[in-house]
Amino acid sequence: MREIEIDAPAVESFGNAVIAVTEGTDVHLDVRLEALHDGILVTADVDTVASGECVRCLIDVALPVRVDIAELFAYSLDEAFDYTIVDDSLDLEPLVRDAVVLSLPFQPVCRPDCPGLDPETGERLEDYPDRKPAEIVDPRWSALAGFAPESTETTDGGTTAEEEKR
């Protein structure tokens, strides 16, 4: 058994259109290699940072990524194993890339309660905390707006203006 630490930059960007580990970003691996009958068992902890933008308010975000990996690298090429040992070497890059990409959030946000953008102006709602969202009235109900009571204020005697008209 061997335990090694590897610090290496990402060879290429991997992720999706919204968030990814960009090329050159440091990737830290704590790797444990164990010899088995069929091959080498690789267990690793991967730490890196993914960069992207919040899907609600479109600001830049940097999210820490931590992934645990356990995979068997086989001595012989066989359908039962996804990874093989080639010339006494293990290529961890595809394994790390696949694990990190699968752990990335599908819709990253800057914070869980991000208010997002104003649908009318496109401005960030967080920049204007006093702004109240405009009430959107369904046009199918607009004809009922004319049926609002004229006044419900009371006069000196405790009766409403409508009751005095009667």
N, C-alpha and C. Protein backbone atom coordinates (compact mmCIF):
# COMPACT_ATOMS: atom_id res chain seq x y z
N MET A 1 0.84 -1.17 0.00
CA MET A 1 0.00 0.00 0.00
C MET A 1 0.90 1.24 0.00
N ARG A 2 0.46 2.26 -0.74
CA ARG A 2 1.16 3.53 -0.77
C ARG A 2 0.16 4.66 -0.65
N GLU A 3 0.56 5.69 0.07
CA GLU A 3 -0.26 6.90 0.16
C GLU A 3 0.57 8.05 -0.37
N ILE A 4 -0.01 8.79 -1.31
CA ILE A 4 0.70 9.93 -1.89
C ILE A 4 -0.26 11.12 -2.00
N GLU A 5 0.32 12.31 -2.02
CA GLU A 5 -0.45 13.53 -2.25
C GLU A 5 0.00 14.10 -3.59
N ILE A 6 -0.98 14.52 -4.38
CA ILE A 6 -0.69 15.07 -5.70
C ILE A 6 -1.36 16.43 -5.80
N ASP A 7 -0.58 17.43 -6.18
CA ASP A 7 -1.10 18.76 -6.49
C ASP A 7 -0.74 19.03 -7.94
N ALA A 8 -1.76 19.20 -8.76
CA ALA A 8 -1.53 19.42 -10.18
C ALA A 8 -2.59 20.36 -10.73
N PRO A 9 -2.24 21.12 -11.75
CA PRO A 9 -3.26 21.97 -12.38
C PRO A 9 -4.14 21.13 -13.31
N ALA A 10 -5.38 21.57 -13.47
CA ALA A 10 -6.28 20.89 -14.41
C ALA A 10 -5.73 21.07 -15.82
N VAL A 11 -5.62 19.99 -16.55
CA VAL A 11 -5.04 20.01 -17.89
C VAL A 11 -5.96 20.72 -18.87
N GLU A 12 -7.27 20.54 -18.67
CA GLU A 12 -8.27 21.19 -19.51
C GLU A 12 -9.48 21.51 -18.66
N SER A 13 -10.35 22.38 -19.15
CA SER A 13 -11.57 22.70 -18.42
C SER A 13 -12.53 21.53 -18.50
N PHE A 14 -13.20 21.25 -17.39
CA PHE A 14 -14.24 20.21 -17.41
C PHE A 14 -15.38 20.64 -16.52
N GLY A 15 -16.57 20.39 -17.00
CA GLY A 15 -17.79 20.79 -16.32
C GLY A 15 -18.89 20.97 -17.33
N ASN A 16 -19.74 21.98 -17.10
CA ASN A 16 -20.81 22.27 -18.06
C ASN A 16 -20.77 23.75 -18.41
N ALA A 17 -21.78 24.23 -19.11
CA ALA A 17 -21.77 25.62 -19.58
C ALA A 17 -21.91 26.62 -18.44
N VAL A 18 -22.47 26.22 -17.32
CA VAL A 18 -22.73 27.15 -16.22
C VAL A 18 -21.61 27.15 -15.19
N ILE A 19 -21.05 25.98 -14.89
CA ILE A 19 -19.99 25.88 -13.88
C ILE A 19 -19.00 24.80 -14.30
N ALA A 20 -17.71 25.09 -14.07
CA ALA A 20 -16.67 24.15 -14.49
C ALA A 20 -15.40 24.40 -13.69
N VAL A 21 -14.55 23.40 -13.67
CA VAL A 21 -13.19 23.55 -13.17
C VAL A 21 -12.38 24.00 -14.38
N THR A 22 -11.87 25.21 -14.33
CA THR A 22 -11.20 25.78 -15.50
C THR A 22 -9.77 25.27 -15.62
N GLU A 23 -9.26 25.36 -16.82
CA GLU A 23 -7.90 24.92 -17.10
C GLU A 23 -6.92 25.70 -16.23
N GLY A 24 -6.01 24.98 -15.60
CA GLY A 24 -5.00 25.61 -14.75
C GLY A 24 -5.39 25.69 -13.28
N THR A 25 -6.63 25.38 -12.93
CA THR A 25 -7.06 25.40 -11.54
C THR A 25 -6.37 24.26 -10.78
N ASP A 26 -5.89 24.56 -9.58
CA ASP A 26 -5.21 23.54 -8.78
C ASP A 26 -6.18 22.44 -8.35
N VAL A 27 -5.74 21.21 -8.50
CA VAL A 27 -6.49 20.05 -8.07
C VAL A 27 -5.60 19.29 -7.08
N HIS A 28 -6.10 19.09 -5.87
CA HIS A 28 -5.35 18.39 -4.84
C HIS A 28 -5.94 17.00 -4.65
N LEU A 29 -5.07 15.98 -4.65
CA LEU A 29 -5.52 14.60 -4.46
C LEU A 29 -4.74 13.97 -3.30
N ASP A 30 -5.46 13.35 -2.39
CA ASP A 30 -4.87 12.47 -1.38
C ASP A 30 -5.18 11.05 -1.85
N VAL A 31 -4.17 10.35 -2.33
CA VAL A 31 -4.38 9.06 -2.99
C VAL A 31 -3.82 7.93 -2.14
N ARG A 32 -4.57 6.84 -2.13
CA ARG A 32 -4.13 5.61 -1.47
C ARG A 32 -4.18 4.49 -2.51
N LEU A 33 -3.07 3.82 -2.72
CA LEU A 33 -2.98 2.74 -3.71
C LEU A 33 -2.77 1.43 -2.97
N GLU A 34 -3.63 0.44 -3.25
CA GLU A 34 -3.54 -0.87 -2.59
C GLU A 34 -3.46 -1.95 -3.66
N ALA A 35 -2.47 -2.81 -3.52
CA ALA A 35 -2.30 -3.92 -4.46
C ALA A 35 -3.30 -5.02 -4.13
N LEU A 36 -4.01 -5.48 -5.16
CA LEU A 36 -4.96 -6.58 -5.04
C LEU A 36 -4.60 -7.64 -6.08
N HIS A 37 -5.30 -8.76 -6.03
CA HIS A 37 -5.05 -9.85 -6.98
C HIS A 37 -5.35 -9.42 -8.42
N ASP A 38 -6.48 -8.68 -8.62
CA ASP A 38 -6.90 -8.30 -9.96
C ASP A 38 -6.28 -7.00 -10.46
N GLY A 39 -5.75 -6.19 -9.55
CA GLY A 39 -5.22 -4.90 -9.96
C GLY A 39 -4.85 -4.04 -8.78
N ILE A 40 -5.03 -2.75 -8.94
CA ILE A 40 -4.70 -1.78 -7.89
C ILE A 40 -5.97 -1.01 -7.54
N LEU A 41 -6.30 -1.03 -6.26
CA LEU A 41 -7.45 -0.27 -5.78
C LEU A 41 -7.00 1.15 -5.46
N VAL A 42 -7.62 2.11 -6.12
CA VAL A 42 -7.29 3.52 -5.91
C VAL A 42 -8.43 4.16 -5.14
N THR A 43 -8.11 4.70 -3.97
CA THR A 43 -9.07 5.51 -3.23
C THR A 43 -8.43 6.89 -3.10
N ALA A 44 -9.24 7.93 -3.32
CA ALA A 44 -8.68 9.28 -3.33
C ALA A 44 -9.72 10.29 -2.86
N ASP A 45 -9.22 11.34 -2.24
CA ASP A 45 -10.02 12.51 -1.91
C ASP A 45 -9.54 13.62 -2.84
N VAL A 46 -10.47 14.21 -3.57
CA VAL A 46 -10.14 15.26 -4.53
C VAL A 46 -10.70 16.57 -4.03
N ASP A 47 -9.86 17.61 -4.01
CA ASP A 47 -10.27 18.96 -3.62
C ASP A 47 -9.89 19.93 -4.72
N THR A 48 -10.85 20.74 -5.15
CA THR A 48 -10.59 21.77 -6.15
C THR A 48 -11.67 22.84 -6.04
N VAL A 49 -11.66 23.78 -6.95
CA VAL A 49 -12.63 24.87 -6.95
C VAL A 49 -13.24 24.97 -8.35
N ALA A 50 -14.56 25.05 -8.40
CA ALA A 50 -15.27 25.21 -9.67
C ALA A 50 -15.72 26.66 -9.80
N SER A 51 -15.57 27.22 -10.97
CA SER A 51 -15.97 28.61 -11.23
C SER A 51 -17.12 28.63 -12.21
N GLY A 52 -18.02 29.58 -12.01
CA GLY A 52 -19.16 29.71 -12.91
C GLY A 52 -19.97 30.93 -12.57
N GLU A 53 -21.27 30.86 -12.83
CA GLU A 53 -22.14 31.97 -12.49
C GLU A 53 -23.43 31.46 -11.89
N CYS A 54 -23.98 32.28 -11.01
CA CYS A 54 -25.25 31.96 -10.35
C CYS A 54 -26.35 31.97 -11.41
N VAL A 55 -27.18 30.94 -11.42
CA VAL A 55 -28.23 30.85 -12.44
C VAL A 55 -29.39 31.79 -12.14
N ARG A 56 -29.45 32.35 -10.94
CA ARG A 56 -30.54 33.27 -10.60
C ARG A 56 -30.17 34.73 -10.85
N CYS A 57 -28.98 35.14 -10.40
CA CYS A 57 -28.62 36.56 -10.51
C CYS A 57 -27.43 36.81 -11.43
N LEU A 58 -26.82 35.77 -11.97
CA LEU A 58 -25.77 35.84 -12.98
C LEU A 58 -24.46 36.46 -12.50
N ILE A 59 -24.19 36.45 -11.18
CA ILE A 59 -22.89 36.90 -10.71
C ILE A 59 -21.92 35.72 -10.70
N ASP A 60 -20.64 36.02 -10.70
CA ASP A 60 -19.62 34.96 -10.68
C ASP A 60 -19.59 34.28 -9.32
N VAL A 61 -19.46 32.96 -9.34
CA VAL A 61 -19.35 32.19 -8.12
C VAL A 61 -18.17 31.24 -8.23
N ALA A 62 -17.59 30.93 -7.07
CA ALA A 62 -16.53 29.93 -6.98
C ALA A 62 -16.95 28.96 -5.88
N LEU A 63 -17.20 27.72 -6.25
CA LEU A 63 -17.68 26.72 -5.31
C LEU A 63 -16.60 25.68 -5.05
N PRO A 64 -16.34 25.40 -3.77
CA PRO A 64 -15.38 24.32 -3.48
C PRO A 64 -15.98 22.97 -3.86
N VAL A 65 -15.12 22.10 -4.38
CA VAL A 65 -15.56 20.77 -4.79
C VAL A 65 -14.71 19.76 -4.02
N ARG A 66 -15.39 18.83 -3.37
CA ARG A 66 -14.71 17.75 -2.66
C ARG A 66 -15.39 16.45 -3.06
N VAL A 67 -14.58 15.51 -3.58
CA VAL A 67 -15.10 14.25 -4.09
C VAL A 67 -14.25 13.11 -3.54
N ASP A 68 -14.91 12.03 -3.16
CA ASP A 68 -14.22 10.80 -2.75
C ASP A 68 -14.33 9.79 -3.89
N ILE A 69 -13.21 9.16 -4.20
CA ILE A 69 -13.15 8.22 -5.32
C ILE A 69 -12.66 6.87 -4.82
N ALA A 70 -13.25 5.80 -5.34
CA ALA A 70 -12.77 4.44 -5.10
C ALA A 70 -12.96 3.66 -6.41
N GLU A 71 -11.86 3.23 -6.99
CA GLU A 71 -11.94 2.55 -8.29
C GLU A 71 -10.82 1.51 -8.39
N LEU A 72 -11.11 0.42 -9.08
CA LEU A 72 -10.13 -0.64 -9.30
C LEU A 72 -9.54 -0.50 -10.69
N PHE A 73 -8.21 -0.40 -10.76
CA PHE A 73 -7.49 -0.41 -12.03
C PHE A 73 -6.99 -1.83 -12.24
N ALA A 74 -7.43 -2.47 -13.32
CA ALA A 74 -7.13 -3.88 -13.57
C ALA A 74 -5.78 -4.04 -14.27
N TYR A 75 -5.15 -5.19 -14.02
CA TYR A 75 -3.89 -5.52 -14.69
C TYR A 75 -4.13 -5.87 -16.15
N SER A 76 -5.25 -6.53 -16.43
CA SER A 76 -5.51 -6.96 -17.80
C SER A 76 -6.74 -6.23 -18.35
N LEU A 77 -6.75 -6.08 -19.65
CA LEU A 77 -7.87 -5.45 -20.33
C LEU A 77 -9.04 -6.41 -20.31
N ASP A 78 -10.12 -6.00 -19.64
CA ASP A 78 -11.29 -6.87 -19.49
C ASP A 78 -12.53 -5.99 -19.48
N GLU A 79 -13.64 -6.55 -19.96
CA GLU A 79 -14.89 -5.79 -19.99
C GLU A 79 -15.41 -5.47 -18.60
N ALA A 80 -15.03 -6.23 -17.62
CA ALA A 80 -15.55 -6.05 -16.27
C ALA A 80 -14.96 -4.82 -15.59
N PHE A 81 -13.86 -4.28 -16.12
CA PHE A 81 -13.19 -3.15 -15.47
C PHE A 81 -13.18 -1.94 -16.39
N ASP A 82 -13.44 -0.79 -15.83
CA ASP A 82 -13.46 0.45 -16.62
C ASP A 82 -12.06 1.00 -16.85
N TYR A 83 -11.16 0.78 -15.91
CA TYR A 83 -9.82 1.36 -15.99
C TYR A 83 -8.78 0.25 -15.92
N THR A 84 -7.69 0.43 -16.67
CA THR A 84 -6.63 -0.57 -16.67
C THR A 84 -5.27 0.10 -16.41
N ILE A 85 -4.32 -0.74 -16.02
CA ILE A 85 -2.95 -0.29 -15.82
C ILE A 85 -2.23 -0.45 -17.15
N VAL A 86 -1.63 0.64 -17.64
CA VAL A 86 -0.95 0.62 -18.93
C VAL A 86 0.51 0.96 -18.69
N ASP A 87 1.41 0.08 -19.06
CA ASP A 87 2.86 0.27 -18.89
C ASP A 87 3.21 0.62 -17.45
N ASP A 88 2.64 -0.09 -16.52
CA ASP A 88 2.87 0.11 -15.09
C ASP A 88 2.50 1.52 -14.62
N SER A 89 1.55 2.15 -15.30
CA SER A 89 1.11 3.51 -14.93
C SER A 89 -0.40 3.56 -14.80
N LEU A 90 -0.85 4.45 -13.91
CA LEU A 90 -2.28 4.70 -13.74
C LEU A 90 -2.58 6.11 -14.22
N ASP A 91 -3.57 6.25 -15.07
CA ASP A 91 -3.99 7.57 -15.53
C ASP A 91 -5.21 7.97 -14.70
N LEU A 92 -5.01 8.82 -13.71
CA LEU A 92 -6.09 9.23 -12.82
C LEU A 92 -6.96 10.35 -13.40
N GLU A 93 -6.47 11.03 -14.44
CA GLU A 93 -7.18 12.19 -14.97
C GLU A 93 -8.62 11.89 -15.39
N PRO A 94 -8.90 10.83 -16.18
CA PRO A 94 -10.30 10.57 -16.54
C PRO A 94 -11.17 10.23 -15.33
N LEU A 95 -10.62 9.53 -14.38
CA LEU A 95 -11.35 9.17 -13.17
C LEU A 95 -11.71 10.41 -12.36
N VAL A 96 -10.73 11.29 -12.18
CA VAL A 96 -10.96 12.54 -11.42
C VAL A 96 -11.95 13.43 -12.17
N ARG A 97 -11.76 13.57 -13.47
CA ARG A 97 -12.66 14.42 -14.27
C ARG A 97 -14.10 13.94 -14.17
N ASP A 98 -14.32 12.63 -14.34
CA ASP A 98 -15.68 12.09 -14.29
C ASP A 98 -16.32 12.31 -12.92
N ALA A 99 -15.56 12.08 -11.86
CA ALA A 99 -16.11 12.23 -10.52
C ALA A 99 -16.42 13.68 -10.20
N VAL A 100 -15.55 14.59 -10.60
CA VAL A 100 -15.78 16.02 -10.32
C VAL A 100 -16.96 16.54 -11.12
N VAL A 101 -17.04 16.20 -12.39
CA VAL A 101 -18.15 16.68 -13.22
C VAL A 101 -19.49 16.19 -12.67
N LEU A 102 -19.55 14.95 -12.22
CA LEU A 102 -20.80 14.43 -11.67
C LEU A 102 -21.17 15.07 -10.35
N SER A 103 -20.20 15.63 -9.63
CA SER A 103 -20.50 16.25 -8.34
C SER A 103 -20.87 17.73 -8.47
N LEU A 104 -20.67 18.33 -9.63
CA LEU A 104 -20.99 19.74 -9.81
C LEU A 104 -22.50 19.95 -9.76
N PRO A 105 -22.94 21.07 -9.18
CA PRO A 105 -24.39 21.33 -9.15
C PRO A 105 -24.91 21.61 -10.55
N PHE A 106 -26.13 21.15 -10.80
CA PHE A 106 -26.75 21.36 -12.11
C PHE A 106 -27.11 22.83 -12.30
N GLN A 107 -27.57 23.47 -11.23
CA GLN A 107 -27.92 24.88 -11.26
C GLN A 107 -27.26 25.57 -10.06
N PRO A 108 -26.02 26.04 -10.22
CA PRO A 108 -25.33 26.66 -9.09
C PRO A 108 -25.93 28.01 -8.73
N VAL A 109 -25.96 28.31 -7.44
CA VAL A 109 -26.45 29.60 -6.96
C VAL A 109 -25.40 30.20 -6.03
N CYS A 110 -25.40 31.53 -5.94
CA CYS A 110 -24.43 32.21 -5.09
C CYS A 110 -24.73 31.96 -3.62
N ARG A 111 -26.00 31.85 -3.30
CA ARG A 111 -26.45 31.47 -1.96
C ARG A 111 -27.85 30.89 -2.09
N PRO A 112 -28.27 30.05 -1.15
CA PRO A 112 -29.56 29.36 -1.31
C PRO A 112 -30.77 30.29 -1.42
N ASP A 113 -30.72 31.47 -0.77
CA ASP A 113 -31.87 32.37 -0.82
C ASP A 113 -31.67 33.53 -1.80
N CYS A 114 -30.90 33.32 -2.84
CA CYS A 114 -30.63 34.36 -3.85
C CYS A 114 -31.96 34.79 -4.48
N PRO A 115 -32.27 36.11 -4.44
CA PRO A 115 -33.55 36.56 -5.00
C PRO A 115 -33.58 36.60 -6.52
N GLY A 116 -32.44 36.61 -7.16
CA GLY A 116 -32.41 36.57 -8.63
C GLY A 116 -32.52 37.94 -9.26
N LEU A 117 -33.11 37.99 -10.45
CA LEU A 117 -33.25 39.21 -11.24
C LEU A 117 -34.71 39.66 -11.28
N ASP A 118 -34.89 40.97 -11.44
CA ASP A 118 -36.24 41.52 -11.62
C ASP A 118 -36.70 41.12 -13.03
N PRO A 119 -37.87 40.49 -13.15
CA PRO A 119 -38.30 40.02 -14.48
C PRO A 119 -38.59 41.15 -15.46
N GLU A 120 -38.87 42.36 -14.96
CA GLU A 120 -39.18 43.46 -15.86
C GLU A 120 -37.94 44.24 -16.28
N THR A 121 -37.07 44.56 -15.32
CA THR A 121 -35.91 45.41 -15.61
C THR A 121 -34.63 44.62 -15.82
N GLY A 122 -34.55 43.41 -15.29
CA GLY A 122 -33.34 42.61 -15.40
C GLY A 122 -32.28 42.98 -14.40
N GLU A 123 -32.60 43.86 -13.44
CA GLU A 123 -31.65 44.25 -12.41
C GLU A 123 -31.64 43.23 -11.30
N ARG A 124 -30.49 43.14 -10.61
CA ARG A 124 -30.37 42.21 -9.48
C ARG A 124 -31.23 42.72 -8.34
N LEU A 125 -32.12 41.89 -7.83
CA LEU A 125 -33.00 42.27 -6.73
C LEU A 125 -32.23 42.49 -5.44
N GLU A 126 -31.09 41.86 -5.28
CA GLU A 126 -30.29 42.03 -4.07
C GLU A 126 -29.74 43.46 -3.98
N ASP A 127 -29.52 44.12 -5.11
CA ASP A 127 -29.01 45.49 -5.11
C ASP A 127 -30.07 46.50 -4.69
N TYR A 128 -31.34 46.13 -4.73
CA TYR A 128 -32.45 47.01 -4.37
C TYR A 128 -33.35 46.30 -3.35
N PRO A 129 -32.92 46.22 -2.08
CA PRO A 129 -33.69 45.45 -1.09
C PRO A 129 -35.05 46.06 -0.76
N ASP A 130 -35.23 47.38 -0.99
CA ASP A 130 -36.51 48.02 -0.66
C ASP A 130 -37.55 47.86 -1.76
N ARG A 131 -37.14 47.42 -2.91
CA ARG A 131 -38.07 47.29 -4.03
C ARG A 131 -39.02 46.13 -3.78
N LYS A 132 -40.28 46.40 -3.92
CA LYS A 132 -41.31 45.37 -3.80
C LYS A 132 -41.62 44.85 -5.20
N PRO A 133 -41.79 43.57 -5.35
CA PRO A 133 -42.12 43.05 -6.68
C PRO A 133 -43.50 43.54 -7.12
N ALA A 134 -43.59 43.87 -8.39
CA ALA A 134 -44.86 44.35 -8.94
C ALA A 134 -45.86 43.20 -8.93
N GLU A 135 -47.08 43.53 -8.54
CA GLU A 135 -48.12 42.51 -8.53
C GLU A 135 -48.61 42.30 -9.95
N ILE A 136 -48.49 41.11 -10.42
CA ILE A 136 -48.91 40.79 -11.78
C ILE A 136 -50.35 40.30 -11.72
N VAL A 137 -51.21 41.02 -12.42
CA VAL A 137 -52.63 40.67 -12.43
C VAL A 137 -52.93 39.93 -13.73
N ASP A 138 -53.57 38.80 -13.58
CA ASP A 138 -53.95 38.01 -14.74
C ASP A 138 -54.98 38.82 -15.55
N PRO A 139 -54.74 39.02 -16.85
CA PRO A 139 -55.67 39.82 -17.66
C PRO A 139 -57.08 39.25 -17.71
N ARG A 140 -57.25 37.98 -17.41
CA ARG A 140 -58.59 37.40 -17.43
C ARG A 140 -59.43 37.93 -16.27
N TRP A 141 -58.78 38.45 -15.22
CA TRP A 141 -59.51 38.99 -14.06
C TRP A 141 -59.64 40.51 -14.12
N SER A 142 -59.09 41.16 -15.14
CA SER A 142 -59.09 42.62 -15.20
C SER A 142 -60.51 43.20 -15.26
N ALA A 143 -61.47 42.50 -15.82
CA ALA A 143 -62.84 43.02 -15.89
C ALA A 143 -63.47 43.14 -14.50
N LEU A 144 -63.00 42.36 -13.54
CA LEU A 144 -63.55 42.42 -12.19
C LEU A 144 -63.01 43.61 -11.39
N ALA A 145 -61.97 44.28 -11.90
CA ALA A 145 -61.41 45.42 -11.18
C ALA A 145 -62.42 46.54 -11.04
N GLY A 146 -63.35 46.68 -11.95
CA GLY A 146 -64.37 47.72 -11.88
C GLY A 146 -65.43 47.46 -10.83
N PHE A 147 -65.50 46.28 -10.26
CA PHE A 147 -66.51 45.95 -9.27
C PHE A 147 -66.05 46.21 -7.83
N ALA A 148 -64.99 46.95 -7.64
CA ALA A 148 -64.50 47.24 -6.30
C ALA A 148 -65.47 48.19 -5.61
N PRO A 149 -65.70 48.05 -4.29
CA PRO A 149 -66.61 48.97 -3.59
C PRO A 149 -66.08 50.39 -3.66
N GLU A 150 -67.03 51.36 -3.70
CA GLU A 150 -66.65 52.77 -3.85
C GLU A 150 -65.90 53.27 -2.63
N SER A 151 -66.45 53.05 -1.45
CA SER A 151 -65.80 53.53 -0.25
C SER A 151 -66.33 52.75 0.94
N THR A 152 -65.47 52.45 1.86
CA THR A 152 -65.88 51.75 3.08
C THR A 152 -65.53 52.59 4.30
N GLU A 153 -65.19 53.88 4.08
CA GLU A 153 -64.86 54.75 5.20
C GLU A 153 -66.13 55.09 5.98
N THR A 154 -66.01 55.23 7.29
CA THR A 154 -67.18 55.56 8.11
C THR A 154 -67.27 57.07 8.32
N THR A 155 -68.50 57.57 8.47
CA THR A 155 -68.72 58.98 8.77
C THR A 155 -68.78 59.14 10.28
N ASP A 156 -69.08 60.31 10.77
CA ASP A 156 -69.09 60.58 12.20
C ASP A 156 -70.07 59.71 12.97
N GLY A 157 -71.17 59.36 12.37
CA GLY A 157 -72.18 58.57 13.07
C GLY A 157 -71.89 57.08 13.07
N GLY A 158 -70.79 56.62 12.50
CA GLY A 158 -70.45 55.21 12.49
C GLY A 158 -71.03 54.46 11.32
N THR A 159 -71.68 55.14 10.40
CA THR A 159 -72.22 54.48 9.22
C THR A 159 -71.28 54.73 8.06
N THR A 160 -71.31 53.84 7.10
CA THR A 160 -70.44 54.01 5.93
C THR A 160 -71.11 54.95 4.94
N ALA A 161 -70.31 55.44 4.01
CA ALA A 161 -70.83 56.36 2.99
C ALA A 161 -71.87 55.67 2.13
N GLU A 162 -71.75 54.39 1.89
CA GLU A 162 -72.75 53.66 1.09
C GLU A 162 -74.08 53.57 1.81
N GLU A 163 -74.04 53.36 3.12
CA GLU A 163 -75.29 53.26 3.89
C GLU A 163 -76.01 54.58 3.93
N GLU A 164 -75.31 55.71 3.95
CA GLU A 164 -75.96 57.01 3.98
C GLU A 164 -76.65 57.30 2.67
N LYS A 165 -76.16 56.78 1.56
CA LYS A 165 -76.78 57.01 0.25
C LYS A 165 -78.14 56.33 0.16
N ARG A 166 -78.34 55.28 0.89
CA ARG A 166 -79.59 54.54 0.79
C ARG A 166 -80.65 55.23 1.46
